[in-house]
Amino acid sequence: MLIELVKKNRSYRGFDESVSVSKETLRELTELARFTASGANLQPLKYRLVFEKNEVDALNGMTRWAKMLKNITLPHEGMYPTAYIAVCVDTTLCANPDAPATDIGIAAQTILLGAVEKGLGGCMLGNYEKSEVVNILGLKEQYVPKLLIALGKPRENVMIVDAKDGKTAYYRDENDTHFVPKRTLEDLII
């Protein structure tokens, strides 16, 4: 059921490095994104599949995770993702790389739901140096990286809890369990 996939789809920041994600799996996840909606049906998104260890390691070294959490560096050593999908805008199809923001969100969520269905998990990352990603992945000038989707086999405990007093900041406890406060349904409906 979709509700179960949505509930299992958390922003994981710890992965089992012994479980690799194959090029074929990344292709299958990208195939899901191919069928999603696109503003004016421009379909300006292109995807760079990252599964070779040297490229994965390079991205792992330059991404910045969960900076809202102070005094903790994530992912923990030995718990990095084993693959990425770089979501790029092809500026030959859409001159303004910021215009398809909605397309990016729809595609990324679809990819992550597909990952959950395969027993994987991931995290959308926007905190990285775009020029470094271009260099690491050897992207042509027409491809502007807008989002990295880290992927792997989750190796952490993430719990959804009701937000209290309107506070939605995620946090970790002494056992390194990651808590994600969500507003209640009653708080969302106007």
C-alpha atoms as a PDB file:
ATOM      1  CA  MET A   1       0.000   0.000   0.000  1.00  0.00           C
ATOM      2  CA  LEU A   2       1.180   3.507  -0.753  1.00  0.00           C
ATOM      3  CA  ILE A   3       0.718   4.667   2.847  1.00  0.00           C
ATOM      4  CA  GLU A   4       3.218   2.043   4.043  1.00  0.00           C
ATOM      5  CA  LEU A   5       5.793   3.070   1.436  1.00  0.00           C
ATOM      6  CA  VAL A   6       5.371   6.734   2.396  1.00  0.00           C
ATOM      7  CA  LYS A   7       5.806   5.964   6.108  1.00  0.00           C
ATOM      8  CA  LYS A   8       8.942   3.880   5.441  1.00  0.00           C
ATOM      9  CA  ASN A   9      10.399   6.564   3.176  1.00  0.00           C
ATOM     10  CA  ARG A  10      12.475   8.562   5.645  1.00  0.00           C
ATOM     11  CA  SER A  11      15.552  10.704   5.048  1.00  0.00           C
ATOM     12  CA  TYR A  12      18.108   8.070   6.011  1.00  0.00           C
ATOM     13  CA  ARG A  13      21.542   9.289   7.022  1.00  0.00           C
ATOM     14  CA  GLY A  14      23.129   5.926   7.785  1.00  0.00           C
ATOM     15  CA  PHE A  15      23.583   2.990   5.417  1.00  0.00           C
ATOM     16  CA  ASP A  16      25.002  -0.538   5.351  1.00  0.00           C
ATOM     17  CA  GLU A  17      28.104  -0.075   3.209  1.00  0.00           C
ATOM     18  CA  SER A  18      28.320  -3.816   2.541  1.00  0.00           C
ATOM     19  CA  VAL A  19      25.181  -3.580   0.366  1.00  0.00           C
ATOM     20  CA  SER A  20      25.852  -2.001  -3.002  1.00  0.00           C
ATOM     21  CA  VAL A  21      23.224  -0.536  -5.306  1.00  0.00           C
ATOM     22  CA  SER A  22      23.634  -1.716  -8.875  1.00  0.00           C
ATOM     23  CA  LYS A  23      23.509   0.306 -12.057  1.00  0.00           C
ATOM     24  CA  GLU A  24      20.453  -1.739 -13.061  1.00  0.00           C
ATOM     25  CA  THR A  25      18.629  -0.777  -9.847  1.00  0.00           C
ATOM     26  CA  LEU A  26      19.442   2.885 -10.455  1.00  0.00           C
ATOM     27  CA  ARG A  27      18.115   2.535 -14.009  1.00  0.00           C
ATOM     28  CA  GLU A  28      14.881   0.994 -12.668  1.00  0.00           C
ATOM     29  CA  LEU A  29      14.439   3.868 -10.192  1.00  0.00           C
ATOM     30  CA  THR A  30      15.096   6.429 -12.925  1.00  0.00           C
ATOM     31  CA  GLU A  31      12.557   4.658 -15.131  1.00  0.00           C
ATOM     32  CA  LEU A  32       9.948   5.436 -12.454  1.00  0.00           C
ATOM     33  CA  ALA A  33      10.850   9.131 -12.650  1.00  0.00           C
ATOM     34  CA  ARG A  34      10.457   9.021 -16.427  1.00  0.00           C
ATOM     35  CA  PHE A  35       6.711   8.501 -16.014  1.00  0.00           C
ATOM     36  CA  THR A  36       6.117  11.365 -13.580  1.00  0.00           C
ATOM     37  CA  ALA A  37       4.435  14.669 -14.357  1.00  0.00           C
ATOM     38  CA  SER A  38       6.422  17.548 -15.822  1.00  0.00           C
ATOM     39  CA  GLY A  39       5.411  21.206 -16.123  1.00  0.00           C
ATOM     40  CA  ALA A  40       4.312  21.925 -19.713  1.00  0.00           C
ATOM     41  CA  ASN A  41       5.563  18.366 -20.344  1.00  0.00           C
ATOM     42  CA  LEU A  42       9.039  19.799 -21.036  1.00  0.00           C
ATOM     43  CA  GLN A  43      10.755  16.870 -19.300  1.00  0.00           C
ATOM     44  CA  PRO A  44      13.970  18.851 -18.708  1.00  0.00           C
ATOM     45  CA  LEU A  45      15.383  16.547 -16.038  1.00  0.00           C
ATOM     46  CA  LYS A  46      18.363  14.323 -16.747  1.00  0.00           C
ATOM     47  CA  TYR A  47      19.866  11.848 -14.303  1.00  0.00           C
ATOM     48  CA  ARG A  48      23.486  10.924 -13.699  1.00  0.00           C
ATOM     49  CA  LEU A  49      23.697   7.470 -12.117  1.00  0.00           C
ATOM     50  CA  VAL A  50      26.544   7.174  -9.617  1.00  0.00           C
ATOM     51  CA  PHE A  51      27.490   3.636  -8.571  1.00  0.00           C
ATOM     52  CA  GLU A  52      31.226   3.331  -9.242  1.00  0.00           C
ATOM     53  CA  LYS A  53      33.062   3.367  -5.905  1.00  0.00           C
ATOM     54  CA  ASN A  54      35.473   6.188  -6.787  1.00  0.00           C
ATOM     55  CA  GLU A  55      32.630   8.539  -7.757  1.00  0.00           C
ATOM     56  CA  VAL A  56      30.463   7.522  -4.789  1.00  0.00           C
ATOM     57  CA  ASP A  57      33.400   8.113  -2.430  1.00  0.00           C
ATOM     58  CA  ALA A  58      34.061  11.519  -4.001  1.00  0.00           C
ATOM     59  CA  LEU A  59      30.430  12.581  -3.497  1.00  0.00           C
ATOM     60  CA  ASN A  60      30.448  11.192   0.046  1.00  0.00           C
ATOM     61  CA  GLY A  61      33.418  13.425   0.779  1.00  0.00           C
ATOM     62  CA  MET A  62      31.744  16.644  -0.321  1.00  0.00           C
ATOM     63  CA  THR A  63      28.103  16.363   0.749  1.00  0.00           C
ATOM     64  CA  ARG A  64      26.869  18.014   3.944  1.00  0.00           C
ATOM     65  CA  TRP A  65      24.193  16.200   5.931  1.00  0.00           C
ATOM     66  CA  ALA A  66      21.727  17.236   8.661  1.00  0.00           C
ATOM     67  CA  LYS A  67      23.469  20.469   9.579  1.00  0.00           C
ATOM     68  CA  MET A  68      20.565  21.309  11.889  1.00  0.00           C
ATOM     69  CA  LEU A  69      22.005  18.722  14.289  1.00  0.00           C
ATOM     70  CA  LYS A  70      24.840  20.338  16.195  1.00  0.00           C
ATOM     71  CA  ASN A  71      27.907  18.448  17.434  1.00  0.00           C
ATOM     72  CA  ILE A  72      27.283  15.438  15.187  1.00  0.00           C
ATOM     73  CA  THR A  73      28.656  14.502  11.796  1.00  0.00           C
ATOM     74  CA  LEU A  74      26.494  12.353   9.578  1.00  0.00           C
ATOM     75  CA  PRO A  75      26.708   9.868   8.091  1.00  0.00           C
ATOM     76  CA  HIS A  76      28.766   8.163  10.787  1.00  0.00           C
ATOM     77  CA  GLU A  77      32.039   6.623   9.638  1.00  0.00           C
ATOM     78  CA  GLY A  78      31.320   3.344   7.842  1.00  0.00           C
ATOM     79  CA  MET A  79      27.665   4.238   7.180  1.00  0.00           C
ATOM     80  CA  TYR A  80      27.832   6.117   3.880  1.00  0.00           C
ATOM     81  CA  PRO A  81      25.457   5.603   0.940  1.00  0.00           C
ATOM     82  CA  THR A  82      26.645   3.260  -1.791  1.00  0.00           C
ATOM     83  CA  ALA A  83      25.046   5.083  -4.726  1.00  0.00           C
ATOM     84  CA  TYR A  84      23.620   8.404  -5.840  1.00  0.00           C
ATOM     85  CA  ILE A  85      21.366   9.746  -8.518  1.00  0.00           C
ATOM     86  CA  ALA A  86      22.245  13.318  -9.491  1.00  0.00           C
ATOM     87  CA  VAL A  87      19.119  15.099 -10.718  1.00  0.00           C
ATOM     88  CA  CYS A  88      20.099  17.722 -13.284  1.00  0.00           C
ATOM     89  CA  VAL A  89      18.274  20.239 -15.435  1.00  0.00           C
ATOM     90  CA  ASP A  90      19.169  20.155 -19.108  1.00  0.00           C
ATOM     91  CA  THR A  91      19.362  23.843 -20.006  1.00  0.00           C
ATOM     92  CA  THR A  92      18.923  23.062 -23.703  1.00  0.00           C
ATOM     93  CA  LEU A  93      15.381  22.005 -22.776  1.00  0.00           C
ATOM     94  CA  CYS A  94      14.712  24.612 -20.068  1.00  0.00           C
ATOM     95  CA  ALA A  95      16.857  27.735 -20.009  1.00  0.00           C
ATOM     96  CA  ASN A  96      16.090  28.545 -16.364  1.00  0.00           C
ATOM     97  CA  PRO A  97      17.468  25.683 -14.241  1.00  0.00           C
ATOM     98  CA  ASP A  98      15.373  26.837 -11.254  1.00  0.00           C
ATOM     99  CA  ALA A  99      12.057  26.631 -13.140  1.00  0.00           C
ATOM    100  CA  PRO A 100      11.421  22.871 -12.863  1.00  0.00           C
ATOM    101  CA  ALA A 101      11.573  22.763  -9.047  1.00  0.00           C
ATOM    102  CA  THR A 102       8.218  20.986  -8.873  1.00  0.00           C
ATOM    103  CA  ASP A 103       9.353  18.401 -11.421  1.00  0.00           C
ATOM    104  CA  ILE A 104      12.447  17.725  -9.316  1.00  0.00           C
ATOM    105  CA  GLY A 105      10.394  17.159  -6.171  1.00  0.00           C
ATOM    106  CA  ILE A 106       7.959  14.823  -7.907  1.00  0.00           C
ATOM    107  CA  ALA A 107      10.755  12.814  -9.552  1.00  0.00           C
ATOM    108  CA  ALA A 108      12.853  12.569  -6.378  1.00  0.00           C
ATOM    109  CA  GLN A 109       9.940  11.433  -4.220  1.00  0.00           C
ATOM    110  CA  THR A 110       9.019   8.823  -6.833  1.00  0.00           C
ATOM    111  CA  ILE A 111      12.606   7.529  -6.937  1.00  0.00           C
ATOM    112  CA  LEU A 112      12.705   7.271  -3.144  1.00  0.00           C
ATOM    113  CA  LEU A 113       9.366   5.456  -2.958  1.00  0.00           C
ATOM    114  CA  GLY A 114      10.684   3.002  -5.533  1.00  0.00           C
ATOM    115  CA  ALA A 115      13.834   2.558  -3.445  1.00  0.00           C
ATOM    116  CA  VAL A 116      11.749   1.749  -0.357  1.00  0.00           C
ATOM    117  CA  GLU A 117       9.807  -0.835  -2.337  1.00  0.00           C
ATOM    118  CA  LYS A 118      13.168  -2.490  -3.143  1.00  0.00           C
ATOM    119  CA  GLY A 119      14.247  -2.529   0.534  1.00  0.00           C
ATOM    120  CA  LEU A 120      16.515   0.478   0.081  1.00  0.00           C
ATOM    121  CA  GLY A 121      16.349   4.014   1.409  1.00  0.00           C
ATOM    122  CA  GLY A 122      17.761   7.384   0.646  1.00  0.00           C
ATOM    123  CA  CYS A 123      18.061  11.051   1.360  1.00  0.00           C
ATOM    124  CA  MET A 124      17.576  14.116  -0.840  1.00  0.00           C
ATOM    125  CA  LEU A 125      20.595  16.382  -0.562  1.00  0.00           C
ATOM    126  CA  GLY A 126      20.802  19.975  -1.662  1.00  0.00           C
ATOM    127  CA  ASN A 127      23.738  20.997   0.533  1.00  0.00           C
ATOM    128  CA  TYR A 128      26.810  20.515  -1.645  1.00  0.00           C
ATOM    129  CA  GLU A 129      29.027  22.523  -3.965  1.00  0.00           C
ATOM    130  CA  LYS A 130      27.443  22.376  -7.409  1.00  0.00           C
ATOM    131  CA  SER A 131      30.744  23.044  -9.200  1.00  0.00           C
ATOM    132  CA  GLU A 132      32.378  20.124  -7.373  1.00  0.00           C
ATOM    133  CA  VAL A 133      29.578  17.793  -8.474  1.00  0.00           C
ATOM    134  CA  VAL A 134      30.015  18.978 -12.071  1.00  0.00           C
ATOM    135  CA  ASN A 135      33.747  18.196 -11.867  1.00  0.00           C
ATOM    136  CA  ILE A 136      33.418  14.865 -10.047  1.00  0.00           C
ATOM    137  CA  LEU A 137      30.773  13.577 -12.442  1.00  0.00           C
ATOM    138  CA  GLY A 138      32.213  15.183 -15.576  1.00  0.00           C
ATOM    139  CA  LEU A 139      28.921  16.873 -16.434  1.00  0.00           C
ATOM    140  CA  LYS A 140      28.642  18.912 -19.603  1.00  0.00           C
ATOM    141  CA  GLU A 141      27.849  22.619 -19.155  1.00  0.00           C
ATOM    142  CA  GLN A 142      24.224  22.121 -20.224  1.00  0.00           C
ATOM    143  CA  TYR A 143      23.508  19.901 -17.176  1.00  0.00           C
ATOM    144  CA  VAL A 144      22.945  21.819 -13.944  1.00  0.00           C
ATOM    145  CA  PRO A 145      22.899  19.577 -10.856  1.00  0.00           C
ATOM    146  CA  LYS A 146      19.950  20.534  -8.648  1.00  0.00           C
ATOM    147  CA  LEU A 147      19.620  17.599  -6.244  1.00  0.00           C
ATOM    148  CA  LEU A 148      21.579  14.553  -5.145  1.00  0.00           C
ATOM    149  CA  ILE A 149      19.653  11.491  -4.036  1.00  0.00           C
ATOM    150  CA  ALA A 150      21.814   9.330  -1.786  1.00  0.00           C
ATOM    151  CA  LEU A 151      20.833   5.660  -1.840  1.00  0.00           C
ATOM    152  CA  GLY A 152      21.670   2.482   0.022  1.00  0.00           C
ATOM    153  CA  LYS A 153      20.425  -0.098   2.487  1.00  0.00           C
ATOM    154  CA  PRO A 154      19.304   1.848   5.606  1.00  0.00           C
ATOM    155  CA  ARG A 155      21.235   1.125   8.786  1.00  0.00           C
ATOM    156  CA  GLU A 156      19.650   3.439  11.294  1.00  0.00           C
ATOM    157  CA  ASN A 157      16.451   3.762  13.259  1.00  0.00           C
ATOM    158  CA  VAL A 158      14.195   6.652  12.211  1.00  0.00           C
ATOM    159  CA  MET A 159      10.981   7.272  14.137  1.00  0.00           C
ATOM    160  CA  ILE A 160       8.067   9.525  13.251  1.00  0.00           C
ATOM    161  CA  VAL A 161       6.538  11.295  16.243  1.00  0.00           C
ATOM    162  CA  ASP A 162       3.811  13.899  16.586  1.00  0.00           C
ATOM    163  CA  ALA A 163       5.127  17.452  16.753  1.00  0.00           C
ATOM    164  CA  LYS A 164       4.577  19.078  20.124  1.00  0.00           C
ATOM    165  CA  ASP A 165       3.980  22.802  20.535  1.00  0.00           C
ATOM    166  CA  GLY A 166       4.597  23.339  16.812  1.00  0.00           C
ATOM    167  CA  LYS A 167       8.244  22.195  17.060  1.00  0.00           C
ATOM    168  CA  THR A 168       9.267  20.247  13.966  1.00  0.00           C
ATOM    169  CA  ALA A 169      13.066  20.163  14.288  1.00  0.00           C
ATOM    170  CA  TYR A 170      14.388  16.622  13.982  1.00  0.00           C
ATOM    171  CA  TYR A 171      16.646  15.299  16.727  1.00  0.00           C
ATOM    172  CA  ARG A 172      18.556  12.246  17.947  1.00  0.00           C
ATOM    173  CA  ASP A 173      18.485  10.581  21.332  1.00  0.00           C
ATOM    174  CA  GLU A 174      21.307   8.975  23.316  1.00  0.00           C
ATOM    175  CA  ASN A 175      20.824   5.726  21.341  1.00  0.00           C
ATOM    176  CA  ASP A 176      21.311   7.597  18.030  1.00  0.00           C
ATOM    177  CA  THR A 177      17.665   7.064  17.074  1.00  0.00           C
ATOM    178  CA  HIS A 178      16.597   9.799  14.679  1.00  0.00           C
ATOM    179  CA  PHE A 179      13.223  11.369  15.526  1.00  0.00           C
ATOM    180  CA  VAL A 180      11.167  13.250  12.949  1.00  0.00           C
ATOM    181  CA  PRO A 181       8.306  15.313  14.421  1.00  0.00           C
ATOM    182  CA  LYS A 182       5.349  15.623  12.066  1.00  0.00           C
ATOM    183  CA  ARG A 183       2.405  17.958  12.461  1.00  0.00           C
ATOM    184  CA  THR A 184      -0.845  16.101  13.105  1.00  0.00           C
ATOM    185  CA  LEU A 185      -3.508  15.816  10.445  1.00  0.00           C
ATOM    186  CA  GLU A 186      -5.692  18.173  12.458  1.00  0.00           C
ATOM    187  CA  ASP A 187      -2.905  20.769  12.361  1.00  0.00           C
ATOM    188  CA  LEU A 188      -2.684  20.521   8.568  1.00  0.00           C
ATOM    189  CA  ILE A 189      -6.288  20.817   7.531  1.00  0.00           C
ATOM    190  CA  ILE A 190      -7.618  24.377   7.267  1.00  0.00           C
END
